[in-house]
Amino acid sequence: MKNRLKVLRAERGLTQAALAKLLDVSREAINAIETGRYDPSLSLAFKIARLFGQPAEAIFDDERS
């Protein structure tokens, strides 16, 4: 799944570790999501969306369009 997580994180000056702490996940999980090796659970996707103040659809793209 493509996503804009790395861009959003960088725009806010957050490291992967800082974002991971805010979301209560590992830094490795953030890295895996950013590189497309791991798709977040629905609850984590919503948590990320709330943190960045955007709808989940604006951050994650299932590439089926």
Protein backbone atom coordinates (compact mmCIF):
# COMPACT_ATOMS: atom_id res chain seq x y z
CA MET A 1 0.00 0.00 0.00
CA LYS A 2 1.38 3.37 -0.99
CA ASN A 3 1.31 6.07 1.65
CA ARG A 4 2.42 9.60 2.47
CA LEU A 5 3.59 8.85 6.00
CA LYS A 6 7.26 9.66 5.41
CA VAL A 7 6.38 13.02 3.84
CA LEU A 8 3.95 13.96 6.62
CA ARG A 9 6.43 12.91 9.28
CA ALA A 10 9.23 14.96 7.68
CA GLU A 11 6.99 18.02 7.30
CA ARG A 12 6.48 17.98 11.05
CA GLY A 13 10.13 17.35 11.84
CA LEU A 14 9.47 14.01 13.51
CA THR A 15 11.92 11.14 13.52
CA GLN A 16 10.66 7.62 13.02
CA ALA A 17 11.34 6.99 16.71
CA ALA A 18 9.37 10.06 17.80
CA LEU A 19 6.41 9.12 15.63
CA ALA A 20 6.55 5.55 16.87
CA LYS A 21 6.40 6.77 20.45
CA LEU A 22 3.37 8.97 19.69
CA LEU A 23 1.60 6.00 18.09
CA ASP A 24 2.78 3.43 20.65
CA VAL A 25 4.44 1.21 18.04
CA SER A 26 8.07 0.35 17.27
CA ARG A 27 10.33 2.44 15.09
CA GLU A 28 10.69 -0.64 12.90
CA ALA A 29 6.92 -0.66 12.35
CA ILE A 30 7.03 2.96 11.17
CA ASN A 31 9.89 2.14 8.82
CA ALA A 32 8.03 -0.88 7.43
CA ILE A 33 4.86 1.18 6.83
CA GLU A 34 6.82 3.99 5.15
CA THR A 35 8.60 1.57 2.81
CA GLY A 36 5.42 -0.34 1.95
CA ARG A 37 6.58 -3.60 3.52
CA TYR A 38 3.77 -3.54 6.10
CA ASP A 39 0.17 -2.34 5.90
CA PRO A 40 -1.06 -0.89 9.19
CA SER A 41 -4.11 -2.28 10.89
CA LEU A 42 -7.28 -0.27 10.44
CA SER A 43 -7.05 1.03 14.00
CA LEU A 44 -3.43 2.13 13.49
CA ALA A 45 -4.30 3.79 10.16
CA PHE A 46 -7.06 5.77 11.90
CA LYS A 47 -4.69 6.69 14.74
CA ILE A 48 -2.15 7.97 12.20
CA ALA A 49 -4.86 9.92 10.38
CA ARG A 50 -6.05 11.57 13.61
CA LEU A 51 -2.48 12.46 14.58
CA PHE A 52 -1.91 14.25 11.27
CA GLY A 53 -5.42 15.72 11.10
CA GLN A 54 -6.23 14.13 7.76
CA PRO A 55 -8.60 11.43 6.56
CA ALA A 56 -6.99 8.02 6.21
CA GLU A 57 -7.66 8.13 2.45
CA ALA A 58 -5.42 11.19 2.18
CA ILE A 59 -2.51 9.27 3.71
CA PHE A 60 -2.98 5.72 2.43
CA ASP A 61 -3.69 4.59 -1.15
CA ASP A 62 -4.58 0.99 -1.94
CA GLU A 63 -3.41 1.49 -5.57
CA ARG A 64 -6.54 -0.07 -7.04
CA SER A 65 -7.67 3.07 -8.89
